[in-house]
C-alpha cells in the first residue's frame, strides 16, 4: 500500500466518520428539520460522483470513503423522509 493510499484512507475515514455524530443525533432526537432536501440532492450527487471517480481511477481510499458517506447520507435521508411523513 502506498503512502498516498494510506493518507487517503486516513483522510477519508476522518471526513466520513465526522458525519456519524450527526446521524446518531438525528436518530436520537428524531429531528432532521435543519437538513434541506436540496442539500441532500447536491451532496448526494457530489458523493456519488466521487464514488464513480474512485472506481474509474481505481482509488480504494476514494471508493471506501464515499461509499460509506453515501450510506450515511441515505440513512439520514430515510430518517428525514420518515419524519416528514409523521409531521403531516
C-alpha atoms as a PDB file:
ATOM      1  CA  UNK A   1       0.000   0.000   0.000  1.00  0.00           C
ATOM      2  CA  UNK A   2       1.413   3.355  -0.994  1.00  0.00           C
ATOM      3  CA  UNK A   3       1.819   6.345   1.302  1.00  0.00           C
ATOM      4  CA  UNK A   4      -0.719   8.232  -0.811  1.00  0.00           C
ATOM      5  CA  UNK A   5      -3.277   5.454  -0.307  1.00  0.00           C
ATOM      6  CA  UNK A   6      -2.699   5.436   3.458  1.00  0.00           C
ATOM      7  CA  UNK A   7      -3.094   9.211   3.623  1.00  0.00           C
ATOM      8  CA  UNK A   8      -6.235   8.969   1.511  1.00  0.00           C
ATOM      9  CA  UNK A   9      -7.698   6.274   3.762  1.00  0.00           C
ATOM     10  CA  UNK A  10      -6.969   8.295   6.905  1.00  0.00           C
ATOM     11  CA  UNK A  11      -8.477  11.453   5.377  1.00  0.00           C
ATOM     12  CA  UNK A  12     -11.495   9.565   4.084  1.00  0.00           C
ATOM     13  CA  UNK A  13     -12.045   7.874   7.435  1.00  0.00           C
ATOM     14  CA  UNK A  14     -11.940  11.166   9.319  1.00  0.00           C
ATOM     15  CA  UNK A  15     -14.206  13.091   6.955  1.00  0.00           C
ATOM     16  CA  UNK A  16     -16.685  10.227   6.692  1.00  0.00           C
ATOM     17  CA  UNK A  17     -16.828   9.474  10.409  1.00  0.00           C
ATOM     18  CA  UNK A  18     -17.370  13.183  11.049  1.00  0.00           C
ATOM     19  CA  UNK A  19     -20.927  12.551   9.798  1.00  0.00           C
ATOM     20  CA  UNK A  20     -21.602   9.766  12.270  1.00  0.00           C
ATOM     21  CA  UNK A  21     -22.370  12.023  15.288  1.00  0.00           C
ATOM     22  CA  UNK A  22     -24.860  13.984  13.171  1.00  0.00           C
ATOM     23  CA  UNK A  23     -26.628  10.833  12.003  1.00  0.00           C
ATOM     24  CA  UNK A  24     -26.737   9.457  15.568  1.00  0.00           C
ATOM     25  CA  UNK A  25     -28.079  12.779  16.865  1.00  0.00           C
ATOM     26  CA  UNK A  26     -30.797  12.813  14.214  1.00  0.00           C
ATOM     27  CA  UNK A  27     -31.834   9.267  15.176  1.00  0.00           C
ATOM     28  CA  UNK A  28     -31.854  10.102  18.891  1.00  0.00           C
ATOM     29  CA  UNK A  29     -33.654  13.456  18.664  1.00  0.00           C
ATOM     30  CA  UNK A  30     -35.815  12.409  15.716  1.00  0.00           C
ATOM     31  CA  UNK A  31     -35.149  15.843  14.251  1.00  0.00           C
ATOM     32  CA  UNK A  32     -33.935  16.395  10.716  1.00  0.00           C
ATOM     33  CA  UNK A  33     -35.710  19.681  10.017  1.00  0.00           C
ATOM     34  CA  UNK A  34     -32.412  21.551   9.604  1.00  0.00           C
ATOM     35  CA  UNK A  35     -31.465  19.436   6.587  1.00  0.00           C
ATOM     36  CA  UNK A  36     -32.838  20.783   3.299  1.00  0.00           C
ATOM     37  CA  UNK A  37     -33.797  18.333   0.556  1.00  0.00           C
ATOM     38  CA  UNK A  38     -31.761  20.487  -1.850  1.00  0.00           C
ATOM     39  CA  UNK A  39     -28.703  19.847   0.312  1.00  0.00           C
ATOM     40  CA  UNK A  40     -29.343  16.085   0.172  1.00  0.00           C
ATOM     41  CA  UNK A  41     -29.582  16.281  -3.638  1.00  0.00           C
ATOM     42  CA  UNK A  42     -26.417  18.348  -4.068  1.00  0.00           C
ATOM     43  CA  UNK A  43     -24.319  16.497  -1.512  1.00  0.00           C
ATOM     44  CA  UNK A  44     -25.559  13.082  -2.655  1.00  0.00           C
ATOM     45  CA  UNK A  45     -24.764  13.886  -6.269  1.00  0.00           C
ATOM     46  CA  UNK A  46     -21.286  15.036  -5.281  1.00  0.00           C
ATOM     47  CA  UNK A  47     -20.599  11.954  -3.180  1.00  0.00           C
ATOM     48  CA  UNK A  48     -21.957   9.679  -5.917  1.00  0.00           C
ATOM     49  CA  UNK A  49     -19.754  11.387  -8.474  1.00  0.00           C
ATOM     50  CA  UNK A  50     -16.707  10.948  -6.240  1.00  0.00           C
ATOM     51  CA  UNK A  51     -17.617   7.275  -5.903  1.00  0.00           C
ATOM     52  CA  UNK A  52     -17.743   6.865  -9.695  1.00  0.00           C
ATOM     53  CA  UNK A  53     -14.415   8.684  -9.945  1.00  0.00           C
ATOM     54  CA  UNK A  54     -12.938   6.340  -7.328  1.00  0.00           C
ATOM     55  CA  UNK A  55     -13.947   3.302  -9.374  1.00  0.00           C
ATOM     56  CA  UNK A  56     -12.691   4.823 -12.636  1.00  0.00           C
ATOM     57  CA  UNK A  57      -9.377   5.810 -11.043  1.00  0.00           C
ATOM     58  CA  UNK A  58      -9.132   2.547  -9.067  1.00  0.00           C
ATOM     59  CA  UNK A  59      -8.640   4.590  -5.888  1.00  0.00           C
ATOM     60  CA  UNK A  60      -9.601   2.461  -2.873  1.00  0.00           C
ATOM     61  CA  UNK A  61      -9.488   5.392  -0.439  1.00  0.00           C
ATOM     62  CA  UNK A  62     -11.936   7.403  -2.554  1.00  0.00           C
ATOM     63  CA  UNK A  63     -14.217   4.391  -3.033  1.00  0.00           C
ATOM     64  CA  UNK A  64     -14.315   3.437   0.652  1.00  0.00           C
ATOM     65  CA  UNK A  65     -14.841   6.950   1.987  1.00  0.00           C
ATOM     66  CA  UNK A  66     -17.549   7.881  -0.468  1.00  0.00           C
ATOM     67  CA  UNK A  67     -19.380   4.551  -0.291  1.00  0.00           C
ATOM     68  CA  UNK A  68     -19.647   4.893   3.490  1.00  0.00           C
ATOM     69  CA  UNK A  69     -20.596   8.568   3.252  1.00  0.00           C
ATOM     70  CA  UNK A  70     -23.311   7.678   0.752  1.00  0.00           C
ATOM     71  CA  UNK A  71     -24.670   5.031   3.144  1.00  0.00           C
ATOM     72  CA  UNK A  72     -24.783   7.563   5.984  1.00  0.00           C
ATOM     73  CA  UNK A  73     -26.476  10.073   3.694  1.00  0.00           C
ATOM     74  CA  UNK A  74     -29.094   7.516   2.631  1.00  0.00           C
ATOM     75  CA  UNK A  75     -29.761   6.668   6.297  1.00  0.00           C
ATOM     76  CA  UNK A  76     -30.171  10.348   7.145  1.00  0.00           C
ATOM     77  CA  UNK A  77     -32.401  10.890   4.105  1.00  0.00           C
ATOM     78  CA  UNK A  78     -34.593   7.933   5.078  1.00  0.00           C
ATOM     79  CA  UNK A  79     -34.898   9.349   8.569  1.00  0.00           C
ATOM     80  CA  UNK A  80     -35.847  12.761   7.173  1.00  0.00           C
ATOM     81  CA  UNK A  81     -38.449  11.191   4.880  1.00  0.00           C
ATOM     82  CA  UNK A  82     -39.866   9.265   7.825  1.00  0.00           C
ATOM     83  CA  UNK A  83     -40.033  12.418   9.930  1.00  0.00           C
ATOM     84  CA  UNK A  84     -41.661  14.339   7.069  1.00  0.00           C
ATOM     85  CA  UNK A  85     -44.369  11.678   6.785  1.00  0.00           C
ATOM     86  CA  UNK A  86     -45.083  11.726  10.534  1.00  0.00           C
ATOM     87  CA  UNK A  87     -45.348  15.517  10.731  1.00  0.00           C
ATOM     88  CA  UNK A  88     -48.097  15.623   8.085  1.00  0.00           C
END
